[in-house]
PDB file of N, CA and C in Angstrom:
ATOM      1  N   MET A   1      11.652  -6.677 -27.117  1.00  0.00           N
ATOM      2  CA  MET A   1      10.838  -5.771 -26.330  1.00  0.00           C
ATOM      3  C   MET A   1      11.341  -5.842 -24.883  1.00  0.00           C
ATOM      4  N   SER A   2      11.406  -4.704 -24.275  1.00  0.00           N
ATOM      5  CA  SER A   2      11.919  -4.670 -22.911  1.00  0.00           C
ATOM      6  C   SER A   2      10.826  -5.030 -21.918  1.00  0.00           C
ATOM      7  N   THR A   3      11.236  -5.295 -20.713  1.00  0.00           N
ATOM      8  CA  THR A   3      10.291  -5.640 -19.644  1.00  0.00           C
ATOM      9  C   THR A   3       9.304  -4.508 -19.428  1.00  0.00           C
ATOM     10  N   VAL A   4       9.773  -3.289 -19.474  1.00  0.00           N
ATOM     11  CA  VAL A   4       8.887  -2.132 -19.277  1.00  0.00           C
ATOM     12  C   VAL A   4       7.849  -2.084 -20.391  1.00  0.00           C
ATOM     13  N   ASP A   5       8.285  -2.317 -21.611  1.00  0.00           N
ATOM     14  CA  ASP A   5       7.341  -2.325 -22.730  1.00  0.00           C
ATOM     15  C   ASP A   5       6.304  -3.445 -22.562  1.00  0.00           C
ATOM     16  N   ASN A   6       6.752  -4.616 -22.104  1.00  0.00           N
ATOM     17  CA  ASN A   6       5.829  -5.725 -21.869  1.00  0.00           C
ATOM     18  C   ASN A   6       4.803  -5.373 -20.787  1.00  0.00           C
ATOM     19  N   VAL A   7       5.259  -4.752 -19.719  1.00  0.00           N
ATOM     20  CA  VAL A   7       4.362  -4.352 -18.635  1.00  0.00           C
ATOM     21  C   VAL A   7       3.337  -3.342 -19.150  1.00  0.00           C
ATOM     22  N   ILE A   8       3.802  -2.352 -19.891  1.00  0.00           N
ATOM     23  CA  ILE A   8       2.898  -1.330 -20.437  1.00  0.00           C
ATOM     24  C   ILE A   8       1.901  -1.977 -21.389  1.00  0.00           C
ATOM     25  N   ASN A   9       2.366  -2.889 -22.226  1.00  0.00           N
ATOM     26  CA  ASN A   9       1.495  -3.582 -23.166  1.00  0.00           C
ATOM     27  C   ASN A   9       0.434  -4.402 -22.411  1.00  0.00           C
ATOM     28  N   GLN A  10       0.828  -5.131 -21.391  1.00  0.00           N
ATOM     29  CA  GLN A  10      -0.110  -5.926 -20.597  1.00  0.00           C
ATOM     30  C   GLN A  10      -1.135  -5.040 -19.892  1.00  0.00           C
ATOM     31  N   LEU A  11      -0.661  -3.909 -19.357  1.00  0.00           N
ATOM     32  CA  LEU A  11      -1.578  -2.975 -18.698  1.00  0.00           C
ATOM     33  C   LEU A  11      -2.595  -2.415 -19.691  1.00  0.00           C
ATOM     34  N   ALA A  12      -2.135  -2.112 -20.891  1.00  0.00           N
ATOM     35  CA  ALA A  12      -3.041  -1.587 -21.925  1.00  0.00           C
ATOM     36  C   ALA A  12      -4.095  -2.628 -22.294  1.00  0.00           C
ATOM     37  N   ILE A  13      -3.652  -3.878 -22.425  1.00  0.00           N
ATOM     38  CA  ILE A  13      -4.592  -4.951 -22.762  1.00  0.00           C
ATOM     39  C   ILE A  13      -5.604  -5.136 -21.642  1.00  0.00           C
ATOM     40  N   GLU A  14      -5.139  -5.191 -20.398  1.00  0.00           N
ATOM     41  CA  GLU A  14      -6.047  -5.358 -19.259  1.00  0.00           C
ATOM     42  C   GLU A  14      -7.033  -4.206 -19.155  1.00  0.00           C
ATOM     43  N   LEU A  15      -6.541  -2.976 -19.376  1.00  0.00           N
ATOM     44  CA  LEU A  15      -7.417  -1.801 -19.323  1.00  0.00           C
ATOM     45  C   LEU A  15      -8.471  -1.874 -20.421  1.00  0.00           C
ATOM     46  N   ALA A  16      -8.056  -2.265 -21.615  1.00  0.00           N
ATOM     47  CA  ALA A  16      -9.004  -2.382 -22.722  1.00  0.00           C
ATOM     48  C   ALA A  16     -10.048  -3.456 -22.420  1.00  0.00           C
ATOM     49  N   ASN A  17      -9.622  -4.595 -21.893  1.00  0.00           N
ATOM     50  CA  ASN A  17     -10.559  -5.669 -21.558  1.00  0.00           C
ATOM     51  C   ASN A  17     -11.555  -5.219 -20.491  1.00  0.00           C
ATOM     52  N   LYS A  18     -11.061  -4.537 -19.473  1.00  0.00           N
ATOM     53  CA  LYS A  18     -11.955  -4.060 -18.415  1.00  0.00           C
ATOM     54  C   LYS A  18     -12.929  -3.017 -18.949  1.00  0.00           C
ATOM     55  N   THR A  19     -12.474  -2.183 -19.854  1.00  0.00           N
ATOM     56  CA  THR A  19     -13.343  -1.169 -20.444  1.00  0.00           C
ATOM     57  C   THR A  19     -14.439  -1.824 -21.275  1.00  0.00           C
ATOM     58  N   VAL A  20     -14.075  -2.813 -22.067  1.00  0.00           N
ATOM     59  CA  VAL A  20     -15.058  -3.533 -22.887  1.00  0.00           C
ATOM     60  C   VAL A  20     -16.052  -4.266 -21.986  1.00  0.00           C
ATOM     61  N   ASN A  21     -15.542  -4.964 -20.979  1.00  0.00           N
ATOM     62  CA  ASN A  21     -16.430  -5.682 -20.061  1.00  0.00           C
ATOM     63  C   ASN A  21     -17.369  -4.717 -19.339  1.00  0.00           C
ATOM     64  N   GLY A  22     -16.858  -3.580 -18.939  1.00  0.00           N
ATOM     65  CA  GLY A  22     -17.694  -2.573 -18.284  1.00  0.00           C
ATOM     66  C   GLY A  22     -18.790  -2.066 -19.215  1.00  0.00           C
ATOM     67  N   ALA A  23     -18.451  -1.887 -20.483  1.00  0.00           N
ATOM     68  CA  ALA A  23     -19.435  -1.418 -21.457  1.00  0.00           C
ATOM     69  C   ALA A  23     -20.528  -2.475 -21.658  1.00  0.00           C
ATOM     70  N   TYR A  24     -20.135  -3.743 -21.743  1.00  0.00           N
ATOM     71  CA  TYR A  24     -21.127  -4.813 -21.854  1.00  0.00           C
ATOM     72  C   TYR A  24     -22.032  -4.862 -20.624  1.00  0.00           C
ATOM     73  N   ASP A  25     -21.414  -4.757 -19.451  1.00  0.00           N
ATOM     74  CA  ASP A  25     -22.203  -4.776 -18.216  1.00  0.00           C
ATOM     75  C   ASP A  25     -23.209  -3.640 -18.190  1.00  0.00           C
ATOM     76  N   LYS A  26     -22.782  -2.443 -18.596  1.00  0.00           N
ATOM     77  CA  LYS A  26     -23.680  -1.284 -18.603  1.00  0.00           C
ATOM     78  C   LYS A  26     -24.805  -1.490 -19.602  1.00  0.00           C
ATOM     79  N   ALA A  27     -24.471  -2.022 -20.779  1.00  0.00           N
ATOM     80  CA  ALA A  27     -25.501  -2.257 -21.796  1.00  0.00           C
ATOM     81  C   ALA A  27     -26.523  -3.282 -21.297  1.00  0.00           C
ATOM     82  N   GLU A  28     -26.058  -4.354 -20.671  1.00  0.00           N
ATOM     83  CA  GLU A  28     -26.977  -5.358 -20.142  1.00  0.00           C
ATOM     84  C   GLU A  28     -27.845  -4.781 -19.024  1.00  0.00           C
ATOM     85  N   ARG A  29     -27.249  -3.953 -18.163  1.00  0.00           N
ATOM     86  CA  ARG A  29     -28.009  -3.337 -17.080  1.00  0.00           C
ATOM     87  C   ARG A  29     -29.072  -2.398 -17.650  1.00  0.00           C
ATOM     88  N   ASP A  30     -28.688  -1.617 -18.656  1.00  0.00           N
ATOM     89  CA  ASP A  30     -29.648  -0.696 -19.272  1.00  0.00           C
ATOM     90  C   ASP A  30     -30.802  -1.462 -19.920  1.00  0.00           C
ATOM     91  N   GLU A  31     -30.506  -2.580 -20.571  1.00  0.00           N
ATOM     92  CA  GLU A  31     -31.556  -3.404 -21.178  1.00  0.00           C
ATOM     93  C   GLU A  31     -32.474  -3.973 -20.100  1.00  0.00           C
ATOM     94  N   ALA A  32     -31.889  -4.447 -19.008  1.00  0.00           N
ATOM     95  CA  ALA A  32     -32.696  -5.010 -17.920  1.00  0.00           C
ATOM     96  C   ALA A  32     -33.584  -3.928 -17.301  1.00  0.00           C
ATOM     97  N   LEU A  33     -33.060  -2.734 -17.146  1.00  0.00           N
ATOM     98  CA  LEU A  33     -33.865  -1.638 -16.596  1.00  0.00           C
ATOM     99  C   LEU A  33     -35.010  -1.269 -17.525  1.00  0.00           C
ATOM    100  N   ALA A  34     -34.754  -1.294 -18.826  1.00  0.00           N
ATOM    101  CA  ALA A  34     -35.813  -0.988 -19.792  1.00  0.00           C
ATOM    102  C   ALA A  34     -36.902  -2.064 -19.749  1.00  0.00           C
ATOM    103  N   GLU A  35     -36.495  -3.327 -19.634  1.00  0.00           N
ATOM    104  CA  GLU A  35     -37.478  -4.413 -19.524  1.00  0.00           C
ATOM    105  C   GLU A  35     -38.277  -4.289 -18.235  1.00  0.00           C
ATOM    106  N   LEU A  36     -37.596  -3.947 -17.160  1.00  0.00           N
ATOM    107  CA  LEU A  36     -38.282  -3.776 -15.877  1.00  0.00           C
ATOM    108  C   LEU A  36     -39.311  -2.653 -15.967  1.00  0.00           C
ATOM    109  N   GLN A  37     -38.951  -1.554 -16.615  1.00  0.00           N
ATOM    110  CA  GLN A  37     -39.889  -0.445 -16.766  1.00  0.00           C
ATOM    111  C   GLN A  37     -41.094  -0.859 -17.595  1.00  0.00           C
ATOM    112  N   GLN A  38     -40.848  -1.658 -18.640  1.00  0.00           N
ATOM    113  CA  GLN A  38     -41.950  -2.142 -19.470  1.00  0.00           C
ATOM    114  C   GLN A  38     -42.892  -3.018 -18.655  1.00  0.00           C
ATOM    115  N   VAL A  39     -42.331  -3.902 -17.825  1.00  0.00           N
ATOM    116  CA  VAL A  39     -43.152  -4.765 -16.979  1.00  0.00           C
ATOM    117  C   VAL A  39     -43.960  -3.923 -15.992  1.00  0.00           C
ATOM    118  N   LYS A  40     -43.326  -2.911 -15.413  1.00  0.00           N
ATOM    119  CA  LYS A  40     -44.037  -2.031 -14.480  1.00  0.00           C
ATOM    120  C   LYS A  40     -45.173  -1.298 -15.184  1.00  0.00           C
ATOM    121  N   ASP A  41     -44.917  -0.815 -16.403  1.00  0.00           N
ATOM    122  CA  ASP A  41     -45.966  -0.119 -17.158  1.00  0.00           C
ATOM    123  C   ASP A  41     -47.135  -1.060 -17.466  1.00  0.00           C
ATOM    124  N   GLU A  42     -46.813  -2.294 -17.859  1.00  0.00           N
ATOM    125  CA  GLU A  42     -47.865  -3.274 -18.149  1.00  0.00           C
ATOM    126  C   GLU A  42     -48.650  -3.612 -16.885  1.00  0.00           C
ATOM    127  N   ARG A  43     -47.949  -3.721 -15.756  1.00  0.00           N
ATOM    128  CA  ARG A  43     -48.633  -3.988 -14.489  1.00  0.00           C
ATOM    129  C   ARG A  43     -49.576  -2.847 -14.133  1.00  0.00           C
ATOM    130  N   ASP A  44     -49.087  -1.613 -14.295  1.00  0.00           N
ATOM    131  CA  ASP A  44     -49.924  -0.458 -13.976  1.00  0.00           C
ATOM    132  C   ASP A  44     -51.166  -0.413 -14.860  1.00  0.00           C
ATOM    133  N   GLU A  45     -51.007  -0.741 -16.140  1.00  0.00           N
ATOM    134  CA  GLU A  45     -52.152  -0.762 -17.046  1.00  0.00           C
ATOM    135  C   GLU A  45     -53.142  -1.852 -16.631  1.00  0.00           C
ATOM    136  N   ALA A  46     -52.626  -3.015 -16.262  1.00  0.00           N
ATOM    137  CA  ALA A  46     -53.492  -4.105 -15.821  1.00  0.00           C
ATOM    138  C   ALA A  46     -54.248  -3.717 -14.552  1.00  0.00           C
ATOM    139  N   LEU A  47     -53.577  -3.028 -13.645  1.00  0.00           N
ATOM    140  CA  LEU A  47     -54.242  -2.585 -12.414  1.00  0.00           C
ATOM    141  C   LEU A  47     -55.334  -1.564 -12.712  1.00  0.00           C
ATOM    142  N   ARG A  48     -55.067  -0.670 -13.667  1.00  0.00           N
ATOM    143  CA  ARG A  48     -56.102   0.305 -14.058  1.00  0.00           C
ATOM    144  C   ARG A  48     -57.300  -0.413 -14.672  1.00  0.00           C
ATOM    145  N   ASN A  49     -57.029  -1.392 -15.526  1.00  0.00           N
ATOM    146  CA  ASN A  49     -58.116  -2.165 -16.135  1.00  0.00           C
ATOM    147  C   ASN A  49     -58.908  -2.910 -15.071  1.00  0.00           C
ATOM    148  N   LEU A  50     -58.218  -3.478 -14.121  1.00  0.00           N
ATOM    149  CA  LEU A  50     -58.879  -4.199 -13.040  1.00  0.00           C
ATOM    150  C   LEU A  50     -59.753  -3.255 -12.221  1.00  0.00           C
ATOM    151  N   GLU A  51     -59.261  -2.067 -11.964  1.00  0.00           N
ATOM    152  CA  GLU A  51     -60.052  -1.080 -11.217  1.00  0.00           C
ATOM    153  C   GLU A  51     -61.308  -0.699 -11.990  1.00  0.00           C
ATOM    154  N   ASN A  52     -61.183  -0.536 -13.309  1.00  0.00           N
ATOM    155  CA  ASN A  52     -62.356  -0.227 -14.131  1.00  0.00           C
ATOM    156  C   ASN A  52     -63.376  -1.368 -14.100  1.00  0.00           C
ATOM    157  N   ILE A  53     -62.882  -2.598 -14.156  1.00  0.00           N
ATOM    158  CA  ILE A  53     -63.784  -3.751 -14.079  1.00  0.00           C
ATOM    159  C   ILE A  53     -64.490  -3.765 -12.726  1.00  0.00           C
ATOM    160  N   LYS A  54     -63.729  -3.524 -11.674  1.00  0.00           N
ATOM    161  CA  LYS A  54     -64.306  -3.497 -10.325  1.00  0.00           C
ATOM    162  C   LYS A  54     -65.404  -2.438 -10.222  1.00  0.00           C
ATOM    163  N   LEU A  55     -65.123  -1.255 -10.769  1.00  0.00           N
ATOM    164  CA  LEU A  55     -66.130  -0.188 -10.729  1.00  0.00           C
ATOM    165  C   LEU A  55     -67.381  -0.578 -11.514  1.00  0.00           C
ATOM    166  N   GLY A  56     -67.168  -1.265 -12.631  1.00  0.00           N
ATOM    167  CA  GLY A  56     -68.314  -1.731 -13.419  1.00  0.00           C
ATOM    168  C   GLY A  56     -69.175  -2.719 -12.643  1.00  0.00           C
ATOM    169  N   PHE A  57     -68.519  -3.661 -11.984  1.00  0.00           N
ATOM    170  CA  PHE A  57     -69.272  -4.633 -11.179  1.00  0.00           C
ATOM    171  C   PHE A  57     -69.967  -3.958  -9.998  1.00  0.00           C
ATOM    172  N   GLU A  58     -69.294  -2.998  -9.389  1.00  0.00           N
ATOM    173  CA  GLU A  58     -69.935  -2.284  -8.282  1.00  0.00           C
ATOM    174  C   GLU A  58     -71.174  -1.539  -8.763  1.00  0.00           C
ATOM    175  N   GLY A  59     -71.080  -0.955  -9.961  1.00  0.00           N
ATOM    176  CA  GLY A  59     -72.231  -0.261 -10.532  1.00  0.00           C
ATOM    177  C   GLY A  59     -73.379  -1.211 -10.811  1.00  0.00           C
ATOM    178  N   MET A  60     -73.055  -2.375 -11.386  1.00  0.00           N
ATOM    179  CA  MET A  60     -74.108  -3.354 -11.651  1.00  0.00           C
ATOM    180  C   MET A  60     -74.728  -3.853 -10.345  1.00  0.00           C
ATOM    181  N   ASN A  61     -73.905  -4.051  -9.347  1.00  0.00           N
ATOM    182  CA  ASN A  61     -74.408  -4.517  -8.061  1.00  0.00           C
ATOM    183  C   ASN A  61     -75.364  -3.490  -7.438  1.00  0.00           C
ATOM    184  N   LYS A  62     -75.023  -2.213  -7.548  1.00  0.00           N
ATOM    185  CA  LYS A  62     -75.912  -1.175  -7.023  1.00  0.00           C
ATOM    186  C   LYS A  62     -77.270  -1.198  -7.734  1.00  0.00           C
ATOM    187  N   ILE A  63     -77.217  -1.406  -9.041  1.00  0.00           N
ATOM    188  CA  ILE A  63     -78.463  -1.473  -9.808  1.00  0.00           C
ATOM    189  C   ILE A  63     -79.293  -2.667  -9.350  1.00  0.00           C
ATOM    190  N   LEU A  64     -78.643  -3.823  -9.205  1.00  0.00           N
ATOM    191  CA  LEU A  64     -79.365  -5.020  -8.759  1.00  0.00           C
ATOM    192  C   LEU A  64     -79.938  -4.822  -7.355  1.00  0.00           C
ATOM    193  N   GLN A  65     -79.186  -4.200  -6.485  1.00  0.00           N
ATOM    194  CA  GLN A  65     -79.640  -4.001  -5.112  1.00  0.00           C
ATOM    195  C   GLN A  65     -80.779  -2.981  -5.033  1.00  0.00           C
ATOM    196  N   SER A  66     -80.859  -2.107  -6.014  1.00  0.00           N
ATOM    197  CA  SER A  66     -81.877  -1.055  -5.959  1.00  0.00           C
ATOM    198  C   SER A  66     -83.244  -1.522  -6.477  1.00  0.00           C
ATOM    199  N   ASP A  67     -83.289  -2.673  -7.180  1.00  0.00           N
ATOM    200  CA  ASP A  67     -84.535  -3.146  -7.767  1.00  0.00           C
ATOM    201  C   ASP A  67     -84.710  -4.619  -7.418  1.00  0.00           C
ATOM    202  N   GLU A  68     -85.653  -4.912  -6.546  1.00  0.00           N
ATOM    203  CA  GLU A  68     -85.856  -6.277  -6.054  1.00  0.00           C
ATOM    204  C   GLU A  68     -86.239  -7.248  -7.175  1.00  0.00           C
ATOM    205  N   GLN A  69     -87.081  -6.810  -8.103  1.00  0.00           N
ATOM    206  CA  GLN A  69     -87.490  -7.695  -9.214  1.00  0.00           C
ATOM    207  C   GLN A  69     -86.281  -8.026 -10.087  1.00  0.00           C
ATOM    208  N   LEU A  70     -85.485  -7.026 -10.354  1.00  0.00           N
ATOM    209  CA  LEU A  70     -84.295  -7.239 -11.179  1.00  0.00           C
ATOM    210  C   LEU A  70     -83.316  -8.170 -10.461  1.00  0.00           C
ATOM    211  N   LYS A  71     -83.190  -7.979  -9.162  1.00  0.00           N
ATOM    212  CA  LYS A  71     -82.316  -8.841  -8.371  1.00  0.00           C
ATOM    213  C   LYS A  71     -82.812 -10.290  -8.413  1.00  0.00           C
ATOM    214  N   ASN A  72     -84.097 -10.486  -8.259  1.00  0.00           N
ATOM    215  CA  ASN A  72     -84.664 -11.838  -8.314  1.00  0.00           C
ATOM    216  C   ASN A  72     -84.454 -12.471  -9.687  1.00  0.00           C
ATOM    217  N   LEU A  73     -84.656 -11.691 -10.729  1.00  0.00           N
ATOM    218  CA  LEU A  73     -84.438 -12.192 -12.082  1.00  0.00           C
ATOM    219  C   LEU A  73     -82.974 -12.597 -12.267  1.00  0.00           C
ATOM    220  N   TYR A  74     -82.082 -11.782 -11.776  1.00  0.00           N
ATOM    221  CA  TYR A  74     -80.658 -12.101 -11.858  1.00  0.00           C
ATOM    222  C   TYR A  74     -80.359 -13.422 -11.139  1.00  0.00           C
ATOM    223  N   GLU A  75     -80.881 -13.585  -9.951  1.00  0.00           N
ATOM    224  CA  GLU A  75     -80.644 -14.808  -9.181  1.00  0.00           C
ATOM    225  C   GLU A  75     -81.209 -16.023  -9.903  1.00  0.00           C
ATOM    226  N   GLU A  76     -82.358 -15.852 -10.544  1.00  0.00           N
ATOM    227  CA  GLU A  76     -82.980 -16.940 -11.298  1.00  0.00           C
ATOM    228  C   GLU A  76     -82.096 -17.347 -12.481  1.00  0.00           C
ATOM    229  N   VAL A  77     -81.615 -16.367 -13.222  1.00  0.00           N
ATOM    230  CA  VAL A  77     -80.758 -16.645 -14.376  1.00  0.00           C
ATOM    231  C   VAL A  77     -79.437 -17.271 -13.901  1.00  0.00           C
ATOM    232  N   LYS A  78     -78.913 -16.761 -12.829  1.00  0.00           N
ATOM    233  CA  LYS A  78     -77.680 -17.286 -12.259  1.00  0.00           C
ATOM    234  C   LYS A  78     -77.863 -18.756 -11.869  1.00  0.00           C
ATOM    235  N   ALA A  79     -78.954 -19.097 -11.238  1.00  0.00           N
ATOM    236  CA  ALA A  79     -79.230 -20.472 -10.840  1.00  0.00           C
ATOM    237  C   ALA A  79     -79.306 -21.379 -12.065  1.00  0.00           C
ATOM    238  N   ARG A  80     -79.940 -20.894 -13.145  1.00  0.00           N
ATOM    239  CA  ARG A  80     -80.030 -21.694 -14.375  1.00  0.00           C
ATOM    240  C   ARG A  80     -78.641 -21.945 -14.962  1.00  0.00           C
ATOM    241  N   GLN A  81     -77.795 -20.924 -14.921  1.00  0.00           N
ATOM    242  CA  GLN A  81     -76.449 -21.067 -15.459  1.00  0.00           C
ATOM    243  C   GLN A  81     -75.640 -22.076 -14.653  1.00  0.00           C
ATOM    244  N   ILE A  82     -75.837 -22.079 -13.352  1.00  0.00           N
ATOM    245  CA  ILE A  82     -75.137 -23.032 -12.499  1.00  0.00           C
ATOM    246  C   ILE A  82     -75.606 -24.446 -12.797  1.00  0.00           C
ATOM    247  N   GLU A  83     -76.908 -24.588 -13.015  1.00  0.00           N
ATOM    248  CA  GLU A  83     -77.460 -25.914 -13.336  1.00  0.00           C
ATOM    249  C   GLU A  83     -76.885 -26.442 -14.656  1.00  0.00           C
ATOM    250  N   LYS A  84     -76.718 -25.549 -15.639  1.00  0.00           N
ATOM    251  CA  LYS A  84     -76.167 -25.953 -16.930  1.00  0.00           C
ATOM    252  C   LYS A  84     -74.714 -26.368 -16.813  1.00  0.00           C
ATOM    253  N   GLY A  85     -74.030 -25.780 -15.865  1.00  0.00           N
ATOM    254  CA  GLY A  85     -72.617 -26.121 -15.643  1.00  0.00           C
ATOM    255  C   GLY A  85     -71.764 -25.279 -16.462  1.00  0.00           C
TER     256      GLY A  85
END
């Protein structure tokens, strides 16, 4: 094999290796992006759930604040729960 053939062969091998490595890198990046999107979606869902919980507590608090007897009863039950530990 001549020197030119060896050079061409080496260039072909290097090009093939770089192409394969590039494909692996792209596949890994795409997988990481998909995982990141999944984490973001899960975070957004958790934030929505948290907002719903917050709204529920705010609603209960308004009810307690609007009725003094109910508020007192709540405080009494709360105190008993604290005593129980």
